[in-house]
Protein backbone atom coordinates (compact mmCIF):
# COMPACT_ATOMS: atom_id res chain seq x y z
CA MET A 1 72.42 112.17 95.35
CA ALA A 2 74.32 108.88 95.58
CA VAL A 3 76.79 108.39 98.30
CA PRO A 4 80.56 108.19 97.05
CA ASP A 5 82.57 105.15 97.69
CA TYR A 6 84.43 106.24 100.90
CA TYR A 7 86.90 103.40 100.56
CA GLU A 8 87.99 104.50 96.97
CA LEU A 9 87.87 108.17 98.16
CA LEU A 10 90.45 107.39 101.08
CA GLN A 11 92.37 104.89 98.73
CA ILE A 12 92.10 101.90 100.97
CA SER A 13 90.93 98.51 101.13
CA THR A 14 87.59 97.78 102.59
CA ASN A 15 89.23 95.55 105.21
CA ALA A 16 91.68 98.61 106.38
CA GLU A 17 92.44 98.69 110.03
CA PRO A 18 91.51 102.07 112.00
CA GLU A 19 95.13 102.84 112.37
CA THR A 20 95.49 102.86 108.30
CA ILE A 21 92.19 104.89 107.88
CA HIS A 22 93.49 107.49 110.28
CA ARG A 23 96.99 107.64 108.78
CA VAL A 24 95.87 107.77 105.19
CA TYR A 25 93.23 110.54 106.07
CA ARG A 26 95.81 112.58 107.77
CA TYR A 27 98.18 112.32 104.74
CA LEU A 28 95.35 113.04 102.13
CA ALA A 29 93.93 115.78 104.50
CA ALA A 30 97.31 117.56 104.28
CA ARG A 31 97.45 117.40 100.39
CA LEU A 32 93.87 118.32 99.88
CA HIS A 33 93.36 121.16 102.54
CA PRO A 34 92.26 124.42 100.81
CA ASP A 35 95.10 126.21 102.68
CA ASN A 36 97.62 123.99 100.34
CA ALA A 37 98.45 126.29 97.74
CA ASP A 38 99.73 123.48 95.25
CA THR A 39 97.36 120.66 95.86
CA GLY A 40 94.56 121.95 97.81
CA ASP A 41 90.89 121.19 96.64
CA ALA A 42 88.03 122.25 98.84
CA SER A 43 85.39 120.10 97.33
CA GLN A 44 87.52 116.84 97.73
CA PHE A 45 88.70 118.00 101.33
CA PHE A 46 85.11 118.41 102.20
CA LEU A 47 84.27 114.59 100.98
CA LEU A 48 87.36 113.27 102.44
CA LYS A 49 86.34 114.40 106.09
CA GLN A 50 82.81 112.98 105.43
CA ALA A 51 84.45 109.76 104.36
CA TYR A 52 86.84 109.81 107.41
CA ASP A 53 83.96 110.64 109.93
CA VAL A 54 82.29 107.52 108.67
CA LEU A 55 84.79 104.87 108.39
CA SER A 56 86.68 105.89 111.63
CA ASN A 57 83.29 105.35 113.46
CA PRO A 58 82.63 101.43 114.06
CA GLU A 59 79.20 101.84 114.18
CA ARG A 60 78.67 104.13 111.08
CA ARG A 61 81.02 102.18 109.17
CA ALA A 62 79.36 98.90 109.83
CA LYS A 63 76.01 100.64 108.60
CA TYR A 64 77.59 102.26 105.41
CA ASP A 65 79.07 98.71 104.59
CA ALA A 66 75.79 96.91 104.93
CA SER A 67 73.83 99.62 103.04
CA PHE A 68 76.26 100.69 100.23
CA GLN A 69 79.65 99.07 100.02
CA SER A 70 78.32 95.73 98.47
CA ASN A 71 76.41 97.45 95.83
CA VAL A 72 79.25 99.78 94.64
CA PRO A 73 79.19 99.97 90.57
CA PRO A 74 82.73 99.44 88.87
CA PRO A 75 84.32 102.59 88.02
CA PRO A 76 84.41 103.78 84.59
CA PRO A 77 87.49 102.43 82.50
CA LEU A 78 90.47 104.72 82.63
CA SER A 79 90.06 105.29 78.73
CA SER A 80 87.12 107.40 79.21
CA SER A 81 89.15 110.20 80.62
CA ILE A 82 92.73 109.52 79.59
CA ASP A 83 94.20 109.22 76.14
CA PHE A 84 95.61 105.99 75.44
CA MET A 85 95.45 106.29 71.71
CA ASP A 86 97.44 109.23 70.38
CA ASN A 87 100.68 107.87 69.23
CA ILE A 88 103.61 108.71 71.73
CA GLU A 89 101.49 110.47 74.43
CA GLY A 90 99.07 107.74 74.26
CA GLU A 91 102.04 105.06 75.04
CA LEU A 92 103.31 107.08 78.10
CA ASN A 93 99.74 107.25 79.50
CA ARG A 94 99.49 103.55 79.10
CA ARG A 95 102.73 103.04 80.82
CA LEU A 96 101.55 105.36 83.81
CA ALA A 97 98.16 103.82 84.22
CA VAL A 98 99.76 100.23 84.28
CA LEU A 99 102.01 101.51 87.04
CA ALA A 100 99.25 103.15 88.83
CA VAL A 101 96.88 100.01 88.71
CA LEU A 102 99.83 97.81 90.08
CA TYR A 103 100.87 100.36 92.79
CA ILE A 104 97.53 100.37 94.15
CA ARG A 105 97.24 96.78 94.09
CA ARG A 106 100.29 96.24 96.02
CA ARG A 107 99.31 98.69 98.59
CA THR A 108 96.16 97.38 99.30
CA HIS A 109 96.97 93.93 98.86
CA PRO A 110 100.63 93.27 99.85
CA SER A 111 100.01 89.48 100.50
CA SER A 112 98.56 89.20 96.76
CA PRO A 113 99.80 92.02 94.88
CA GLU A 114 99.44 90.04 91.50
CA VAL A 115 96.80 91.81 88.71
CA SER A 116 95.98 89.55 85.90
CA LEU A 117 96.35 90.89 82.27
CA THR A 118 92.73 90.66 81.91
CA GLU A 119 92.36 92.84 85.19
CA VAL A 120 94.53 95.54 83.52
CA GLU A 121 92.70 95.33 80.19
CA VAL A 122 89.15 95.82 82.00
CA ARG A 123 90.41 98.60 84.17
CA MET A 124 92.15 100.60 81.44
CA GLY A 125 89.19 99.67 78.85
CA PHE A 126 91.94 99.00 76.27
CA PRO A 127 92.55 96.15 74.29
CA ARG A 128 95.43 93.73 75.65
CA ASP A 129 97.09 93.64 71.92
CA TYR A 130 97.92 97.29 72.37
CA LEU A 131 99.62 96.70 75.92
CA GLU A 132 102.25 94.28 74.75
CA PHE A 133 104.87 97.11 73.96
CA THR A 134 103.82 98.84 77.09
CA THR A 135 104.41 95.85 79.52
CA TRP A 136 107.56 94.79 77.72
CA TYR A 137 108.95 98.42 78.35
CA LEU A 138 108.09 98.33 81.98
CA GLN A 139 109.57 94.83 82.44
CA LYS A 140 112.86 95.81 80.77
CA LYS A 141 112.97 98.98 82.93
CA GLY A 142 112.38 96.74 85.99
CA TYR A 143 109.44 98.41 87.05
CA ILE A 144 107.22 95.56 86.83
CA THR A 145 107.58 91.61 86.66
CA ARG A 146 105.31 89.00 85.35
CA ALA A 147 104.74 85.54 87.06
CA ASP A 148 104.33 82.13 85.47
CA ASN A 149 100.41 82.72 85.65
CA SER A 150 101.04 85.87 83.47
CA ALA A 151 99.90 88.11 86.22
CA PHE A 152 101.94 91.26 86.54
CA THR A 153 103.29 92.86 89.91
CA LEU A 154 105.03 95.91 90.64
CA THR A 155 108.74 95.82 91.81
CA ALA A 156 110.31 97.95 94.39
CA GLU A 157 112.05 100.01 91.81
CA GLY A 158 108.57 100.60 90.34
CA VAL A 159 107.22 101.59 93.77
CA ASP A 160 110.22 103.95 93.98
CA PHE A 161 109.11 105.54 90.64
CA VAL A 162 105.72 106.01 91.28
CA GLU A 163 106.07 107.56 94.57
CA ALA A 164 108.79 109.82 93.72
CA GLN A 165 107.24 110.96 90.37
CA ARG A 166 103.51 111.46 91.46
CA THR A 167 104.00 115.11 92.21
CA ASN A 168 105.84 115.82 89.16
CA ILE A 169 103.76 114.06 86.74
CA PRO A 170 100.05 115.43 86.93
CA THR A 171 98.66 112.35 84.81
CA LEU A 172 100.13 109.91 87.29
CA ASN A 173 98.80 111.84 90.45
CA ARG A 174 95.40 111.90 88.80
CA LEU A 175 95.40 108.07 88.24
CA LEU A 176 96.41 107.41 91.74
CA THR A 177 93.57 109.29 93.09
CA SER A 178 90.50 108.30 90.79
CA ASN A 179 89.54 104.94 91.54
CA THR A 180 92.41 102.87 89.55
CA GLY A 181 92.42 99.65 91.47
CA PRO A 182 91.52 96.74 89.20
CA SER A 183 88.95 95.34 91.78
CA ALA A 184 89.22 97.26 95.12
CA GLY A 185 90.16 100.74 96.43
CA GLY A 186 93.91 101.35 96.25
CA SER A 187 95.92 103.10 98.96
CA ALA A 188 98.37 105.37 97.06
CA ALA A 189 98.46 107.33 100.26
CA ALA A 190 98.89 104.79 102.69
CA SER A 191 102.78 104.93 102.41
CA GLY A 192 102.70 108.10 104.62
CA ALA A 193 103.67 111.62 103.97
CA SER A 194 107.28 110.49 103.39
CA ALA A 195 106.28 109.30 100.03
CA SER A 196 105.56 112.82 98.87
CA ALA A 197 108.91 113.91 100.06
CA HIS A 198 110.90 111.12 98.16
CA LYS A 199 112.14 112.69 94.87
CA PRO A 200 114.99 111.79 92.48
CA ALA A 201 118.21 113.62 92.63
CA HIS A 202 117.51 115.51 89.28
CA GLY A 203 114.07 116.58 90.59
CA ARG A 204 112.06 115.85 87.85
CA PRO A 205 110.55 112.65 85.71
CA GLY A 206 112.56 111.00 83.15
CA PRO A 207 111.80 111.82 79.44
CA GLU A 208 110.12 108.49 79.06
CA PHE A 209 107.29 109.83 81.44
CA GLN A 210 106.84 113.38 80.27
CA PRO A 211 104.03 113.28 77.75
CA GLU A 212 103.76 116.81 75.72
CA ARG A 213 100.86 119.17 76.37
CA ARG A 214 98.61 118.90 73.50
CA THR A 215 95.07 120.00 72.48
CA SER A 216 92.29 117.48 72.48
CA SER A 217 91.12 115.85 69.16
CA LYS A 218 88.02 117.97 69.51
CA ASP A 219 89.95 121.24 70.09
CA ARG A 220 92.23 120.45 67.01
CA ARG A 221 88.86 119.75 64.93
CA ALA A 222 87.46 123.16 65.90
CA LYS A 223 90.65 124.95 64.48
């Protein structure tokens, strides 16, 4: 069985310091522990502990890096598991995916948080022509900005939205914990446990990010 990408699993950079590894592990362990009735996941918790045991040990981490990390294949595009095409819901999902990609980049590379449109396109597995409305909307909302070189970055307001709404929007939470970074592991959890406690006053996400529940295309055809 192939060894998982422990950096992606912990949502941290390959250059993460031991303190960061420990902090992120404690945060994710609290979320994934089987005793957590809301977000517990026994299988993911086991993998998380496995990752921490390796990356928190300097000798085991060095051996792991030498034998595995340089050969990690790129993750599958997000479009393989998330619907980006279905009218309104697809558009809402595209917005969430762009925010997740930029959030992870900003957390793991604070000194260079820019993500090019090409990287966004590749990571999402979605043609850039269909992202124009998505990026326009996010810019108008103040969640992202675009530099002169056309690269995107997440704003402080965008960070607040992602951290406040990840527990309210299942799709966003899944994006933040499923290899969403454009080129390296993200760190959605690195903000610490306080991120999960930060919620808007109204207690639920705005209507622009509440895609309706629906059956899949396959399910509809079966009816």
